[in-house]
Amino acid sequence: MLLAIDVGNTNTVFAVFKNNELLGQWRAATDPLKTADEYVVWLNQLFKNSQLTLDDIKSSILSTVVPQCQFAVVDMCERYCGCTPINVGVEGIELGIEINVESPREVGADRLANAVGAHSTYKTALTIIDFGTATTFDVIAKDGSYEGGVIAPGVNLSLEALHQAAAQLPRVAIRKPEKVIAQETVSAMEAGVYWGYLGLIEGIVKRMQKEYHIPMNVIATGGLAPLFANGTKSINVVDLDLTIKGLLEIYKLNTQQSI
């Protein structure tokens, strides 16, 4: 079995594949102070609930945008699973796609995994919107090459900044308000975040389409993708497993084997 690990700025996702089938997926808050032993205690319980054990894991692959977490995750894989993970983004790792930007090494491992997962699944020109700590927009050509993109502040990041910078504004939940024009503060903030982000999504997608000159399907991923996809026709598909799918494809490409 393959253990695929995606370490993001906010959450870390662990997923297990067998015979190319996703058996389970679990999410934890990213914590640079967490040790390999702490990961194992947490994973053991989740694996047990799914009738799995760490002994079932024979190989692993890792993508991370938080370098401080890398040692603990690699240590866990080596000591408790007996395998050293393939590290996406490290020089020499085959992705199967071209990276057509000025500084390829600056592109986050998660965005590369998204590109590989999207191309292997949809086989067409794409815009990928990933709702994470940052909201990223990435253009993938029909042949799978990564053509660049946009990085915007994430929804939760924007809300937290608003709360911290304005003394009288509370923390609010992210939801789809019924109206744009609100009559009180919380509703006004909810409307500003939701409809404001829809405006950002629609505006960037439209400008990307115009600049690229080729029609692109828009794939959304990340925890908030369903919420925002429900409010706009600019998003064609929601695929919450996009990054994990990409990690599976990268593993197969670099080992020439299925799981």
Protein backbone atom coordinates (compact mmCIF):
# COMPACT_ATOMS: atom_id res chain seq x y z
CA MET A 1 0.00 0.00 0.00
CA LEU A 2 1.04 3.60 -0.62
CA LEU A 3 0.87 6.36 1.98
CA ALA A 4 0.52 9.76 0.28
CA ILE A 5 1.14 12.82 2.45
CA ASP A 6 0.37 16.43 1.53
CA VAL A 7 1.65 18.97 4.08
CA GLY A 8 -0.07 22.32 3.56
CA ASN A 9 0.27 25.53 5.52
CA THR A 10 -2.96 24.88 7.44
CA ASN A 11 -3.69 21.15 7.14
CA THR A 12 -1.78 17.95 6.50
CA VAL A 13 -3.56 15.19 4.57
CA PHE A 14 -2.67 11.50 4.79
CA ALA A 15 -4.15 9.07 2.24
CA VAL A 16 -3.73 5.35 1.63
CA PHE A 17 -3.94 3.69 -1.78
CA LYS A 18 -4.12 0.01 -2.71
CA ASN A 19 -4.34 -1.16 -6.34
CA ASN A 20 -4.81 2.51 -7.32
CA GLU A 21 -7.91 2.68 -5.09
CA LEU A 22 -8.17 5.31 -2.35
CA LEU A 23 -8.87 3.38 0.86
CA GLY A 24 -8.89 6.26 3.29
CA GLN A 25 -7.98 9.90 3.78
CA TRP A 26 -7.40 11.82 7.01
CA ARG A 27 -6.65 15.44 7.83
CA ALA A 28 -4.73 17.02 10.73
CA ALA A 29 -3.73 20.58 11.57
CA THR A 30 -0.21 21.28 10.33
CA ASP A 31 2.14 21.70 13.29
CA PRO A 32 5.90 22.16 12.74
CA LEU A 33 6.49 21.04 16.35
CA LYS A 34 4.78 17.68 15.95
CA THR A 35 7.13 14.69 16.17
CA ALA A 36 7.18 11.42 14.25
CA ASP A 37 5.91 9.61 17.35
CA GLU A 38 2.94 11.97 17.65
CA TYR A 39 2.02 11.38 14.00
CA VAL A 40 2.16 7.64 14.58
CA VAL A 41 -0.12 7.69 17.64
CA TRP A 42 -2.70 9.70 15.69
CA LEU A 43 -2.43 7.62 12.51
CA ASN A 44 -2.54 4.29 14.34
CA GLN A 45 -5.98 5.04 15.75
CA LEU A 46 -7.34 6.23 12.40
CA PHE A 47 -5.86 3.25 10.60
CA LYS A 48 -7.40 0.92 13.17
CA ASN A 49 -10.84 2.42 12.52
CA SER A 50 -10.37 1.59 8.82
CA GLN A 51 -9.00 -1.93 9.44
CA LEU A 52 -5.50 -0.86 8.37
CA THR A 53 -2.11 -0.93 10.10
CA LEU A 54 1.15 0.89 9.50
CA ASP A 55 2.66 -2.50 8.61
CA ASP A 56 0.45 -2.45 5.50
CA ILE A 57 2.36 0.57 4.17
CA LYS A 58 5.16 -0.44 1.81
CA SER A 59 5.89 2.90 0.10
CA SER A 60 5.20 6.60 0.53
CA ILE A 61 5.25 9.94 -1.25
CA LEU A 62 5.35 13.44 0.22
CA SER A 63 4.57 16.95 -0.93
CA THR A 64 5.15 19.80 1.50
CA VAL A 65 5.12 23.59 1.49
CA VAL A 66 6.23 23.67 5.14
CA PRO A 67 9.92 22.66 5.27
CA GLN A 68 9.90 22.58 9.10
CA CYS A 69 7.54 19.58 8.99
CA GLN A 70 9.58 17.53 6.55
CA PHE A 71 11.97 15.87 9.01
CA ALA A 72 9.23 14.52 11.30
CA VAL A 73 7.14 13.16 8.42
CA VAL A 74 10.12 11.49 6.74
CA ASP A 75 11.27 10.12 10.10
CA MET A 76 7.83 8.61 10.71
CA CYS A 77 7.80 6.91 7.29
CA GLU A 78 11.31 5.52 7.74
CA ARG A 79 10.99 4.31 11.35
CA TYR A 80 7.41 3.08 11.40
CA CYS A 81 6.69 2.14 7.76
CA GLY A 82 10.16 1.10 6.66
CA CYS A 83 10.21 3.33 3.57
CA THR A 84 11.69 6.68 2.58
CA PRO A 85 9.08 8.86 0.85
CA ILE A 86 9.52 10.22 -2.64
CA ASN A 87 9.64 13.99 -2.13
CA VAL A 88 7.80 16.00 -4.78
CA GLY A 89 9.61 19.17 -5.77
CA VAL A 90 13.08 17.76 -5.10
CA GLU A 91 15.43 17.89 -8.08
CA GLY A 92 15.33 14.70 -10.12
CA ILE A 93 11.71 13.78 -9.39
CA GLU A 94 9.81 13.12 -12.62
CA LEU A 95 6.45 14.85 -12.96
CA GLY A 96 5.61 13.91 -16.52
CA ILE A 97 4.80 17.53 -17.37
CA GLU A 98 6.73 20.63 -18.35
CA ILE A 99 6.91 23.59 -15.97
CA ASN A 100 6.86 26.64 -18.23
CA VAL A 101 7.69 29.42 -15.78
CA GLU A 102 10.81 31.51 -15.15
CA SER A 103 11.68 29.80 -11.85
CA PRO A 104 10.28 26.25 -11.81
CA ARG A 105 11.73 25.51 -8.35
CA GLU A 106 9.57 28.26 -6.84
CA VAL A 107 6.33 26.48 -7.75
CA GLY A 108 4.86 24.81 -4.65
CA ALA A 109 4.84 21.01 -4.53
CA ASP A 110 1.08 21.04 -3.92
CA ARG A 111 0.47 23.08 -7.09
CA LEU A 112 2.61 20.66 -9.11
CA ALA A 113 0.71 17.69 -7.67
CA ASN A 114 -2.56 19.44 -8.54
CA ALA A 115 -1.36 19.93 -12.11
CA VAL A 116 -0.41 16.27 -12.50
CA GLY A 117 -3.64 15.06 -10.91
CA ALA A 118 -5.80 17.36 -13.04
CA HIS A 119 -4.08 16.46 -16.30
CA SER A 120 -4.26 12.71 -15.63
CA THR A 121 -7.97 13.00 -14.82
CA TYR A 122 -9.35 15.56 -17.28
CA LYS A 123 -6.99 15.62 -20.30
CA THR A 124 -7.86 19.16 -21.34
CA ALA A 125 -6.72 22.76 -20.84
CA LEU A 126 -7.58 23.74 -17.27
CA THR A 127 -7.63 26.39 -14.62
CA ILE A 128 -7.20 24.91 -11.14
CA ILE A 129 -8.49 26.91 -8.17
CA ASP A 130 -7.17 25.64 -4.84
CA PHE A 131 -8.84 27.09 -1.73
CA GLY A 132 -6.11 26.75 0.88
CA THR A 133 -4.27 29.14 3.18
CA ALA A 134 -3.73 31.04 -0.06
CA THR A 135 -6.19 30.80 -2.94
CA THR A 136 -4.22 29.78 -6.03
CA PHE A 137 -5.22 29.83 -9.67
CA ASP A 138 -3.07 27.70 -11.99
CA VAL A 139 -3.21 27.26 -15.76
CA ILE A 140 -2.54 23.79 -17.16
CA ALA A 141 -2.18 23.32 -20.93
CA LYS A 142 -3.90 20.49 -22.80
CA ASP A 143 -0.59 18.56 -22.86
CA GLY A 144 -0.35 18.91 -19.07
CA SER A 145 2.35 21.59 -18.93
CA TYR A 146 2.17 24.04 -16.05
CA GLU A 147 1.84 27.56 -17.50
CA GLY A 148 1.80 29.73 -14.37
CA GLY A 149 -0.88 31.25 -12.21
CA VAL A 150 -2.07 33.62 -9.52
CA ILE A 151 -1.71 33.61 -5.72
CA ALA A 152 -4.31 35.48 -3.66
CA PRO A 153 -4.88 35.63 0.11
CA GLY A 154 -7.00 32.75 1.33
CA VAL A 155 -10.52 33.27 2.59
CA ASN A 156 -9.76 32.43 6.23
CA LEU A 157 -6.57 34.49 6.11
CA SER A 158 -8.52 37.52 4.91
CA LEU A 159 -11.16 37.09 7.61
CA GLU A 160 -8.52 36.81 10.34
CA ALA A 161 -6.72 39.90 9.09
CA LEU A 162 -10.00 41.82 9.08
CA HIS A 163 -10.79 40.75 12.64
CA GLN A 164 -7.32 41.61 13.94
CA ALA A 165 -7.01 44.97 12.19
CA ALA A 166 -10.48 46.28 13.05
CA ALA A 167 -11.11 46.30 16.81
CA GLN A 168 -14.91 46.22 16.60
CA LEU A 169 -15.25 43.51 13.95
CA PRO A 170 -15.80 39.98 15.28
CA ARG A 171 -14.74 36.64 13.83
CA VAL A 172 -17.43 35.27 11.52
CA ALA A 173 -18.15 31.98 9.79
CA ILE A 174 -17.79 31.61 6.03
CA ARG A 175 -21.17 30.91 4.50
CA LYS A 176 -23.30 31.86 1.51
CA PRO A 177 -25.58 34.78 2.53
CA GLU A 178 -28.97 35.10 0.90
CA LYS A 179 -28.43 38.80 0.12
CA VAL A 180 -25.54 41.07 -0.75
CA ILE A 181 -26.85 44.13 1.09
CA ALA A 182 -26.82 43.46 4.83
CA GLN A 183 -28.48 45.30 7.72
CA GLU A 184 -26.03 44.41 10.50
CA THR A 185 -22.30 43.90 11.00
CA VAL A 186 -21.94 40.11 10.98
CA SER A 187 -24.11 39.72 7.88
CA ALA A 188 -22.20 42.54 6.20
CA MET A 189 -18.90 40.77 6.85
CA GLU A 190 -20.26 37.43 5.66
CA ALA A 191 -21.56 39.05 2.48
CA GLY A 192 -18.30 40.88 1.90
CA VAL A 193 -16.21 37.74 2.22
CA TYR A 194 -18.46 35.42 0.22
CA TRP A 195 -19.60 37.69 -2.60
CA GLY A 196 -16.25 39.44 -2.64
CA TYR A 197 -14.45 36.15 -3.17
CA LEU A 198 -16.92 35.14 -5.86
CA GLY A 199 -16.08 38.40 -7.61
CA LEU A 200 -12.36 37.60 -7.29
CA ILE A 201 -12.90 34.07 -8.67
CA GLU A 202 -15.02 35.18 -11.61
CA GLY A 203 -12.77 38.13 -12.42
CA ILE A 204 -9.50 36.16 -12.40
CA VAL A 205 -10.98 33.23 -14.34
CA LYS A 206 -12.35 35.61 -16.99
CA ARG A 207 -9.03 37.43 -17.34
CA MET A 208 -7.11 34.16 -17.53
CA GLN A 209 -9.40 32.87 -20.28
CA LYS A 210 -8.96 36.10 -22.23
CA GLU A 211 -5.16 36.13 -21.83
CA TYR A 212 -4.62 32.44 -22.60
CA HIS A 213 -6.82 32.51 -25.74
CA ILE A 214 -7.88 28.88 -25.24
CA PRO A 215 -11.10 27.70 -23.54
CA MET A 216 -10.33 26.09 -20.18
CA ASN A 217 -12.39 24.00 -17.82
CA VAL A 218 -12.18 25.25 -14.23
CA ILE A 219 -11.50 22.68 -11.51
CA ALA A 220 -11.84 23.68 -7.85
CA THR A 221 -10.23 21.87 -4.94
CA GLY A 222 -9.65 22.54 -1.24
CA GLY A 223 -12.09 22.46 1.66
CA LEU A 224 -14.08 25.55 0.68
CA ALA A 225 -14.40 24.60 -3.00
CA PRO A 226 -18.00 23.24 -2.75
CA LEU A 227 -19.22 26.38 -0.97
CA PHE A 228 -17.93 28.76 -3.63
CA ALA A 229 -18.70 26.48 -6.58
CA ASN A 230 -22.32 26.59 -5.44
CA GLY A 231 -22.43 30.33 -6.10
CA THR A 232 -20.88 30.68 -9.55
CA LYS A 233 -20.95 29.19 -13.04
CA SER A 234 -17.25 29.96 -13.43
CA ILE A 235 -16.35 26.65 -11.72
CA ASN A 236 -17.11 23.53 -13.78
CA VAL A 237 -15.99 20.72 -11.44
CA VAL A 238 -15.17 20.28 -7.75
CA ASP A 239 -12.49 17.65 -7.13
CA LEU A 240 -11.46 17.47 -3.47
CA ASP A 241 -8.97 14.64 -4.10
CA LEU A 242 -6.99 16.44 -6.80
CA THR A 243 -3.69 16.77 -4.89
CA ILE A 244 -3.78 13.19 -3.66
CA LYS A 245 -4.53 11.93 -7.18
CA GLY A 246 -1.49 13.84 -8.40
CA LEU A 247 0.73 12.27 -5.74
CA LEU A 248 -0.41 8.80 -6.82
CA GLU A 249 0.43 9.55 -10.46
CA ILE A 250 3.85 10.99 -9.55
CA TYR A 251 4.63 7.91 -7.48
CA LYS A 252 3.74 5.57 -10.34
CA LEU A 253 5.79 7.63 -12.79
CA ASN A 254 8.90 7.53 -10.58
CA THR A 255 8.65 3.85 -9.67
CA GLN A 256 7.11 2.47 -12.88
CA GLN A 257 4.60 0.49 -10.89
CA SER A 258 0.99 0.53 -9.75
CA ILE A 259 -0.01 0.26 -6.11
